[in-house]
Protein backbone atom coordinates (compact mmCIF):
# COMPACT_ATOMS: atom_id res chain seq x y z
CA MET A 1 17.85 -43.73 11.08
CA PRO A 2 15.41 -41.42 12.92
CA LYS A 3 13.08 -43.12 15.35
CA ARG A 4 9.65 -43.73 13.85
CA ILE A 5 6.75 -42.06 15.67
CA ALA A 6 3.86 -44.39 16.49
CA PRO A 7 0.52 -42.76 15.63
CA LEU A 8 -1.74 -41.81 18.51
CA THR A 9 -4.91 -43.74 19.31
CA ASP A 10 -8.24 -42.52 20.64
CA THR A 11 -7.61 -44.48 23.85
CA LYS A 12 -4.19 -42.89 24.38
CA VAL A 13 -5.55 -39.40 23.84
CA ARG A 14 -8.52 -40.01 26.16
CA THR A 15 -6.62 -41.64 29.02
CA VAL A 16 -3.34 -39.69 29.15
CA LYS A 17 -2.89 -38.08 32.57
CA PRO A 18 -1.30 -34.68 33.28
CA THR A 19 2.13 -34.46 34.91
CA GLU A 20 4.05 -31.67 36.60
CA LYS A 21 5.47 -30.58 33.24
CA PRO A 22 3.71 -30.16 29.88
CA GLN A 23 3.73 -33.29 27.69
CA LYS A 24 3.83 -33.51 23.89
CA LEU A 25 2.32 -36.62 22.34
CA PHE A 26 3.23 -36.76 18.62
CA ASP A 27 1.02 -38.30 15.94
CA GLY A 28 3.32 -37.70 12.97
CA GLY A 29 3.52 -35.07 10.24
CA GLY A 30 4.10 -32.35 12.84
CA LEU A 31 0.80 -32.96 14.65
CA PHE A 32 0.96 -33.33 18.42
CA LEU A 33 -1.24 -33.17 21.51
CA LEU A 34 -0.04 -30.81 24.24
CA VAL A 35 -1.14 -31.98 27.70
CA THR A 36 -0.84 -29.17 30.24
CA PRO A 37 -0.18 -29.71 34.01
CA THR A 38 -3.77 -28.58 34.69
CA GLY A 39 -5.19 -31.33 32.44
CA GLY A 40 -5.85 -29.32 29.28
CA LYS A 41 -5.39 -31.13 25.95
CA LEU A 42 -4.53 -28.92 23.00
CA TRP A 43 -3.87 -29.91 19.39
CA ARG A 44 -0.89 -28.23 17.73
CA LEU A 45 0.76 -28.54 14.30
CA LYS A 46 4.45 -27.81 13.82
CA TYR A 47 5.45 -26.90 10.25
CA ARG A 48 7.93 -24.85 8.24
CA PHE A 49 7.03 -21.93 5.96
CA GLY A 50 9.51 -19.71 4.17
CA GLY A 51 12.37 -21.42 5.97
CA THR A 52 10.91 -20.60 9.40
CA GLU A 53 9.45 -23.08 11.87
CA LYS A 54 5.89 -22.15 12.89
CA LEU A 55 3.12 -23.47 15.11
CA LEU A 56 -0.59 -23.72 14.29
CA THR A 57 -3.24 -24.14 16.99
CA ILE A 58 -5.80 -26.63 15.69
CA GLY A 59 -8.25 -27.11 18.57
CA THR A 60 -8.97 -28.45 22.04
CA TYR A 61 -9.70 -32.08 22.92
CA PRO A 62 -12.38 -33.50 23.20
CA GLN A 63 -14.15 -30.81 21.12
CA THR A 64 -11.62 -31.55 18.37
CA THR A 65 -11.18 -35.30 18.09
CA LEU A 66 -8.09 -37.13 16.88
CA ALA A 67 -9.78 -37.65 13.49
CA ASP A 68 -10.66 -33.94 13.31
CA ALA A 69 -7.07 -32.95 14.12
CA ARG A 70 -5.70 -35.25 11.42
CA GLN A 71 -8.12 -33.82 8.86
CA LYS A 72 -7.00 -30.27 9.71
CA ARG A 73 -3.37 -31.40 9.39
CA GLU A 74 -4.09 -32.58 5.85
CA GLN A 75 -5.86 -29.30 5.01
CA ALA A 76 -2.83 -27.40 6.26
CA ASN A 77 -0.54 -29.57 4.13
CA VAL A 78 -2.60 -28.73 1.02
CA MET A 79 -2.26 -25.01 1.81
CA LEU A 80 1.50 -25.37 2.30
CA ALA A 81 1.81 -27.20 -1.00
CA ASN A 82 0.12 -24.21 -2.67
CA GLY A 83 2.39 -21.67 -0.99
CA VAL A 84 -0.15 -20.55 1.64
CA ASP A 85 0.71 -20.13 5.32
CA PRO A 86 -2.07 -21.88 7.33
CA ASN A 87 -1.76 -19.22 10.03
CA ASP A 88 -2.69 -16.53 7.47
CA THR A 89 -5.84 -18.46 6.63
CA LYS A 90 -6.66 -18.83 10.32
CA LYS A 91 -6.31 -15.07 10.84
CA ALA A 92 -8.58 -14.45 7.85
CA GLN A 93 -11.17 -16.90 9.20
CA LYS A 94 -11.15 -15.13 12.54
CA ALA A 95 -11.56 -11.73 10.90
CA ALA A 96 -14.46 -13.01 8.80
CA GLY A 97 -16.09 -14.86 11.70
CA THR A 98 -16.37 -18.18 9.85
CA GLN A 99 -14.65 -21.54 9.61
CA GLU A 100 -15.10 -21.81 5.85
CA THR A 101 -11.75 -21.77 4.05
CA GLU A 102 -12.60 -20.99 0.42
CA THR A 103 -15.04 -18.09 0.51
CA PHE A 104 -14.19 -14.84 -1.22
CA GLU A 105 -13.84 -12.98 2.09
CA ILE A 106 -11.55 -15.59 3.66
CA ILE A 107 -9.23 -15.67 0.67
CA ALA A 108 -9.33 -11.87 0.29
CA ARG A 109 -8.34 -11.38 3.93
CA GLU A 110 -5.64 -14.03 3.58
CA TRP A 111 -4.29 -12.22 0.50
CA TYR A 112 -4.42 -8.93 2.41
CA THR A 113 -2.57 -10.40 5.41
CA LYS A 114 0.13 -11.74 3.13
CA PHE A 115 0.79 -8.65 1.02
CA SER A 116 -0.33 -5.56 2.99
CA PRO A 117 2.78 -5.41 5.25
CA SER A 118 4.75 -4.17 2.23
CA TRP A 119 2.24 -1.40 1.43
CA ALA A 120 1.96 2.14 2.73
CA ALA A 121 -0.39 2.25 5.74
CA SER A 122 -2.87 4.55 3.99
CA HIS A 123 -3.04 2.28 0.92
CA ALA A 124 -3.54 -0.82 3.09
CA LYS A 125 -6.33 0.83 5.07
CA THR A 126 -8.13 2.04 1.94
CA THR A 127 -7.88 -1.38 0.24
CA ILE A 128 -9.42 -3.42 3.06
CA ARG A 129 -12.05 -0.77 3.71
CA ARG A 130 -13.22 -0.84 0.09
CA LEU A 131 -13.56 -4.61 0.20
CA GLU A 132 -15.53 -4.41 3.46
CA LEU A 133 -17.86 -1.72 2.13
CA PHE A 134 -18.41 -2.74 -1.47
CA VAL A 135 -17.68 -6.46 -1.91
CA PHE A 136 -17.91 -8.57 1.27
CA PRO A 137 -21.61 -7.79 1.98
CA TRP A 138 -22.61 -9.33 -1.38
CA LEU A 139 -19.84 -11.78 -2.34
CA GLY A 140 -17.93 -12.38 0.88
CA SER A 141 -19.72 -15.58 1.92
CA ARG A 142 -19.68 -17.11 -1.57
CA GLN A 143 -17.27 -19.91 -2.46
CA ILE A 144 -14.75 -18.04 -4.60
CA LYS A 145 -14.64 -20.61 -7.39
CA THR A 146 -18.39 -20.23 -7.98
CA ILE A 147 -18.40 -16.44 -8.48
CA ALA A 148 -19.07 -15.46 -12.10
CA ALA A 149 -18.38 -12.20 -13.92
CA PRO A 150 -22.02 -10.94 -13.87
CA GLU A 151 -22.12 -11.26 -10.06
CA LEU A 152 -18.92 -9.26 -9.67
CA LEU A 153 -20.28 -6.67 -12.13
CA ALA A 154 -23.46 -6.34 -10.03
CA ALA A 155 -21.33 -5.38 -7.01
CA LEU A 156 -19.37 -2.87 -9.07
CA ARG A 157 -22.57 -1.37 -10.49
CA ARG A 158 -23.58 -0.38 -6.95
CA ILE A 159 -20.41 1.72 -6.71
CA GLU A 160 -20.97 3.13 -10.22
CA ALA A 161 -24.49 4.18 -9.22
CA LYS A 162 -22.98 6.46 -6.58
CA GLY A 163 -20.96 8.22 -9.28
CA ALA A 164 -17.68 6.86 -7.88
CA LEU A 165 -16.27 5.54 -11.15
CA GLU A 166 -12.64 5.74 -10.05
CA THR A 167 -13.47 3.69 -6.93
CA ALA A 168 -15.35 1.13 -9.04
CA HIS A 169 -12.25 0.61 -11.18
CA ARG A 170 -10.01 0.36 -8.13
CA VAL A 171 -12.28 -2.23 -6.52
CA LYS A 172 -12.33 -4.25 -9.74
CA GLN A 173 -8.51 -4.26 -9.74
CA VAL A 174 -8.37 -5.42 -6.13
CA CYS A 175 -10.90 -8.19 -6.76
CA GLY A 176 -8.82 -9.31 -9.73
CA GLN A 177 -5.78 -9.60 -7.48
CA VAL A 178 -7.77 -11.70 -5.00
CA PHE A 179 -9.07 -14.01 -7.74
CA ARG A 180 -5.59 -14.45 -9.21
CA TYR A 181 -4.25 -15.25 -5.74
CA ALA A 182 -6.97 -17.89 -5.39
CA VAL A 183 -5.99 -19.36 -8.77
CA ALA A 184 -2.31 -19.44 -7.77
CA THR A 185 -3.12 -21.23 -4.51
CA GLY A 186 -5.36 -23.83 -6.13
CA ARG A 187 -8.73 -22.62 -4.88
CA ALA A 188 -10.16 -21.13 -8.07
CA GLU A 189 -9.83 -21.91 -11.74
CA ARG A 190 -9.92 -18.41 -13.27
CA ASP A 191 -10.20 -14.67 -12.64
CA PRO A 192 -13.68 -13.47 -13.78
CA SER A 193 -12.71 -9.79 -13.43
CA GLY A 194 -10.88 -10.07 -16.75
CA ASP A 195 -14.24 -10.55 -18.49
CA LEU A 196 -15.39 -7.10 -17.32
CA ARG A 197 -13.03 -5.05 -19.46
CA GLY A 198 -15.02 -2.08 -20.75
CA ALA A 199 -18.06 -2.88 -18.60
CA ILE A 200 -17.52 0.14 -16.31
CA PRO A 201 -17.31 3.62 -17.91
CA PRO A 202 -13.87 5.24 -17.61
CA ALA A 203 -13.34 7.71 -14.79
CA SER A 204 -13.17 11.35 -15.80
CA GLY A 205 -9.72 11.77 -14.28
CA LYS A 206 -10.54 15.33 -13.15
CA HIS A 207 -9.15 14.55 -9.71
CA MET A 208 -5.73 14.56 -11.47
CA ALA A 209 -6.33 18.06 -12.87
CA THR A 210 -3.05 19.74 -13.75
CA ILE A 211 -1.45 22.57 -15.72
CA THR A 212 1.18 21.84 -18.37
CA ASP A 213 1.28 25.08 -20.40
CA PRO A 214 4.50 26.85 -19.26
CA LYS A 215 2.79 30.27 -19.39
CA GLU A 216 0.01 29.04 -17.11
CA ILE A 217 2.53 27.34 -14.83
CA ALA A 218 4.36 30.67 -14.53
CA GLY A 219 1.12 32.32 -13.42
CA LEU A 220 0.51 29.58 -10.85
CA LEU A 221 4.03 29.94 -9.41
CA ARG A 222 3.66 33.70 -9.09
CA SER A 223 0.29 33.24 -7.39
CA ILE A 224 1.89 30.86 -4.91
CA ASP A 225 4.63 33.40 -4.08
CA ASP A 226 1.90 36.03 -3.50
CA TYR A 227 -0.26 33.72 -1.36
CA ARG A 228 -1.57 35.64 1.65
CA GLY A 229 -2.51 32.69 3.83
CA SER A 230 -0.33 31.03 6.45
CA ILE A 231 3.43 30.81 5.93
CA VAL A 232 3.26 27.03 6.45
CA THR A 233 0.76 26.60 3.61
CA ARG A 234 2.68 28.95 1.31
CA CYS A 235 5.94 27.07 1.88
CA ALA A 236 4.18 23.74 1.26
CA LEU A 237 2.82 25.16 -2.01
CA GLN A 238 6.29 26.42 -2.99
CA LEU A 239 7.92 23.06 -2.26
CA ALA A 240 5.25 20.95 -4.00
CA PRO A 241 6.30 21.64 -7.64
CA LEU A 242 10.00 21.30 -6.73
CA VAL A 243 9.71 17.77 -5.30
CA PHE A 244 6.47 16.52 -6.96
CA VAL A 245 5.77 13.87 -4.31
CA ARG A 246 2.23 12.75 -3.49
CA PRO A 247 0.20 15.25 -1.42
CA GLY A 248 0.11 12.92 1.59
CA GLU A 249 3.89 12.45 1.48
CA LEU A 250 4.41 16.22 1.37
CA ARG A 251 2.12 17.18 4.23
CA GLN A 252 3.48 14.39 6.46
CA ALA A 253 7.14 15.35 5.86
CA GLU A 254 9.19 15.25 9.08
CA TRP A 255 12.36 17.20 9.78
CA SER A 256 14.14 13.98 10.78
CA GLU A 257 13.81 12.77 7.16
CA PHE A 258 15.81 15.69 5.72
CA ASP A 259 19.57 16.01 5.41
CA LEU A 260 20.11 19.61 4.36
CA GLU A 261 23.88 19.11 4.16
CA THR A 262 23.66 16.37 1.52
CA ALA A 263 20.47 17.93 0.04
CA GLU A 264 18.35 14.78 0.32
CA TRP A 265 14.91 13.96 1.60
CA ARG A 266 14.57 10.27 2.47
CA ILE A 267 10.92 9.27 2.81
CA PRO A 268 10.57 6.05 4.85
CA ALA A 269 9.08 2.98 3.16
CA GLU A 270 6.03 2.95 5.45
CA LYS A 271 4.93 6.33 4.10
CA MET A 272 5.26 5.36 0.44
CA LYS A 273 2.49 3.81 -1.66
CA ALA A 274 4.90 1.17 -3.00
CA GLY A 275 6.30 0.46 0.48
CA VAL A 276 9.90 1.24 -0.54
CA LEU A 277 12.28 3.96 0.70
CA HIS A 278 12.17 6.98 -1.62
CA ILE A 279 14.95 9.55 -2.06
CA VAL A 280 14.18 13.08 -3.23
CA PRO A 281 17.27 15.09 -4.28
CA LEU A 282 16.75 18.68 -3.09
CA SER A 283 17.48 21.50 -5.49
CA ARG A 284 18.91 24.82 -4.33
CA GLN A 285 15.41 26.30 -4.55
CA ALA A 286 13.91 23.50 -2.43
CA LEU A 287 16.59 24.08 0.23
CA GLU A 288 15.72 27.79 0.25
CA VAL A 289 12.09 26.95 1.05
CA LEU A 290 13.15 24.60 3.86
CA HIS A 291 15.56 27.16 5.32
CA GLU A 292 12.76 29.74 5.28
CA ILE A 293 10.32 27.62 7.25
CA HIS A 294 12.87 26.00 9.59
CA PRO A 295 12.89 28.83 12.16
CA LEU A 296 9.11 28.48 12.43
CA THR A 297 8.65 24.68 12.58
CA GLY A 298 12.18 23.25 12.89
CA HIS A 299 11.68 22.55 16.61
CA GLU A 300 8.60 20.45 15.86
CA ARG A 301 8.16 17.00 14.33
CA TYR A 302 6.47 18.01 11.09
CA VAL A 303 7.79 20.44 8.50
CA PHE A 304 4.20 21.53 7.76
CA PRO A 305 2.29 21.09 11.04
CA SER A 306 -1.38 21.67 11.67
CA PRO A 307 -2.18 25.21 12.84
CA ARG A 308 -4.07 23.69 15.77
CA THR A 309 -1.32 21.43 17.12
CA GLY A 310 2.28 20.74 16.20
CA SER A 311 1.80 17.05 16.94
CA ARG A 312 -0.12 16.52 13.69
CA PRO A 313 0.65 17.41 10.07
CA MET A 314 -1.34 19.94 8.11
CA SER A 315 -4.78 18.91 6.87
CA SER A 316 -5.10 16.75 3.77
CA ASN A 317 -7.19 19.59 2.32
CA GLY A 318 -4.66 22.32 3.16
CA ILE A 319 -3.00 22.65 -0.25
CA LEU A 320 -6.23 21.95 -2.14
CA SER A 321 -8.10 24.67 -0.22
CA ALA A 322 -5.27 27.12 -0.87
CA LEU A 323 -5.44 26.45 -4.61
CA ARG A 324 -9.19 27.12 -4.53
CA ARG A 325 -8.66 30.41 -2.65
CA MET A 326 -6.12 31.36 -5.32
CA GLY A 327 -8.87 30.93 -7.92
CA TYR A 328 -8.04 27.51 -9.38
CA ALA A 329 -11.14 25.34 -9.85
CA LYS A 330 -11.13 21.61 -9.15
CA ASP A 331 -10.95 20.80 -12.86
CA GLU A 332 -7.98 23.16 -13.36
CA MET A 333 -5.42 22.22 -10.70
CA SER A 334 -5.12 19.75 -7.83
CA GLY A 335 -2.54 18.88 -5.19
CA HIS A 336 -1.69 15.78 -7.21
CA GLY A 337 -1.37 17.93 -10.32
CA PHE A 338 2.22 18.95 -9.53
CA ARG A 339 3.23 15.35 -10.23
CA SER A 340 1.43 15.23 -13.57
CA MET A 341 2.92 18.61 -14.45
CA ALA A 342 6.48 17.42 -13.83
CA SER A 343 5.93 14.05 -15.51
CA THR A 344 4.50 15.61 -18.68
CA LEU A 345 7.11 18.34 -19.12
CA LEU A 346 10.16 16.30 -18.10
CA ASN A 347 9.21 13.64 -20.64
CA GLU A 348 8.63 16.27 -23.32
CA GLN A 349 11.99 17.85 -22.55
CA GLY A 350 13.99 14.70 -23.12
CA TRP A 351 14.95 13.33 -19.72
CA ASN A 352 15.45 9.60 -19.25
CA ARG A 353 11.96 8.14 -18.84
CA ASP A 354 13.19 5.56 -16.32
CA ALA A 355 14.79 8.29 -14.21
CA ILE A 356 11.52 10.25 -14.26
CA GLU A 357 9.48 7.19 -13.26
CA ARG A 358 11.90 6.40 -10.43
CA GLN A 359 11.71 9.97 -9.17
CA LEU A 360 7.91 9.85 -9.30
CA ALA A 361 8.15 6.68 -7.14
CA HIS A 362 5.76 4.81 -9.37
CA ALA A 363 5.30 1.27 -8.07
CA GLU A 364 7.80 -1.30 -9.32
CA ARG A 365 6.04 -4.51 -10.37
CA ASN A 366 8.87 -6.59 -8.94
CA SER A 367 8.85 -5.75 -5.21
CA VAL A 368 12.27 -7.32 -4.62
CA ARG A 369 13.81 -5.25 -7.42
CA ALA A 370 12.12 -2.12 -6.07
CA ALA A 371 13.58 -2.66 -2.60
CA TYR A 372 17.11 -2.47 -4.00
CA ASN A 373 16.62 0.18 -6.68
CA TYR A 374 15.36 3.18 -4.72
CA ALA A 375 18.65 4.98 -5.58
CA GLU A 376 18.63 3.96 -9.25
CA PHE A 377 19.63 6.73 -11.72
CA MET A 378 20.52 8.96 -8.77
CA PRO A 379 23.23 11.08 -10.50
CA GLU A 380 20.84 11.88 -13.37
CA ARG A 381 17.95 12.45 -10.97
CA LYS A 382 20.00 15.03 -9.05
CA LYS A 383 20.78 16.89 -12.27
CA MET A 384 17.17 16.62 -13.39
CA MET A 385 15.74 18.00 -10.13
CA GLN A 386 18.06 21.02 -10.18
CA ALA A 387 17.40 21.66 -13.87
CA TRP A 388 13.65 21.37 -13.25
CA ALA A 389 13.82 23.92 -10.41
CA ASP A 390 15.86 26.27 -12.61
CA PHE A 391 13.30 25.83 -15.41
CA LEU A 392 10.45 26.78 -13.05
CA ASP A 393 12.39 29.82 -11.84
CA GLY A 394 12.99 30.85 -15.43
CA ILE A 395 9.41 30.68 -16.61
CA LYS A 396 8.21 32.39 -13.42
CA ALA A 397 10.53 35.29 -14.17
CA GLY A 398 9.30 35.46 -17.76
CA ALA A 399 12.40 34.04 -19.40
CA LYS A 400 12.27 32.50 -22.86
CA ILE A 401 11.28 28.85 -22.55
CA ILE A 402 14.19 26.57 -23.47
CA PRO A 403 13.84 22.76 -23.28
CA ILE A 404 15.75 21.47 -20.26
CA HIS A 405 17.60 18.77 -22.20
CA ALA A 406 18.92 21.41 -24.60
CA ALA A 407 20.29 23.48 -21.73
CA ARG A 408 22.16 20.54 -20.28
């Protein structure tokens, strides 16, 4: 049988003397006092989370007494029982500048620390920034279980008053995720954001402006070919409808991600919104665009570098500004519109909806499944991408419009 550990006493903790080597005095349940050779006395808690042994720093004696250390050990055990890593909570407390453990800000930062590593960097940055700007100043210090729907609505109304309806909806979604995390970890009873359905007017959606009429698409494609701006911008515009990735993924494309022999573009997980590797099969037409620009930028990191320096990608407004110069207003076409264009027409033309969704890299609800299914439907996706490029070529040349699924 394992040797039983005798609990520490106040006298033992107070009178223990330092030695040449660090000493560990155990109290049980993973709690121990580390006595350093210089006389420092530090409380530590050893525990396991997710199959890994971890260490939590609890405090320094005598500022943190034996009774205080034991109380913090019990608090940590409650967190562990609810699937929460105590170190995540400690990081969130430090970020929020408080020792409270159940405020909205503490739990939101804990949730962010737990889940953001699997997100794209841009998405993670935007999420925490929105919470810091629009929620923490009004609800951050409140105990999360006491926050009611009208209080959350008041915070969202401030965003609505700025005319940022899309942001208001996004913030509501994020707050709902935080509340549900609090419920799952035993620190709240319900998610009040669910009571606000219909309380915020719907966003106009004009930022997703797109063109889906084949005749109008043909005009857009011809305008792109005739674009008189920089070659880099023209090539980015030509590639956009052929790959229909997100604008940020396109402008940050790096030559190291492309295999022109196998005709694949592999976008790393850290660049993707869903945080999962994404494969884009390259059609013959897409390869032609890449071969055209390679002599100009192939020696640099980015396929579409900034005109000011090759060490940075082209501006986030590069494609959007080009569309405006070509005469397309903001409610007619956007950089994101190439995705909506492809999604609408490919669905209308009979392709497998799941293959389309996978190629659009829409977030998979099950993150584990997503991590293994980035190549799902790949044979059909390769056929679809080439057929789509051929379809665009056809309508640009004025050919009779034939549904893609009929041609295949």
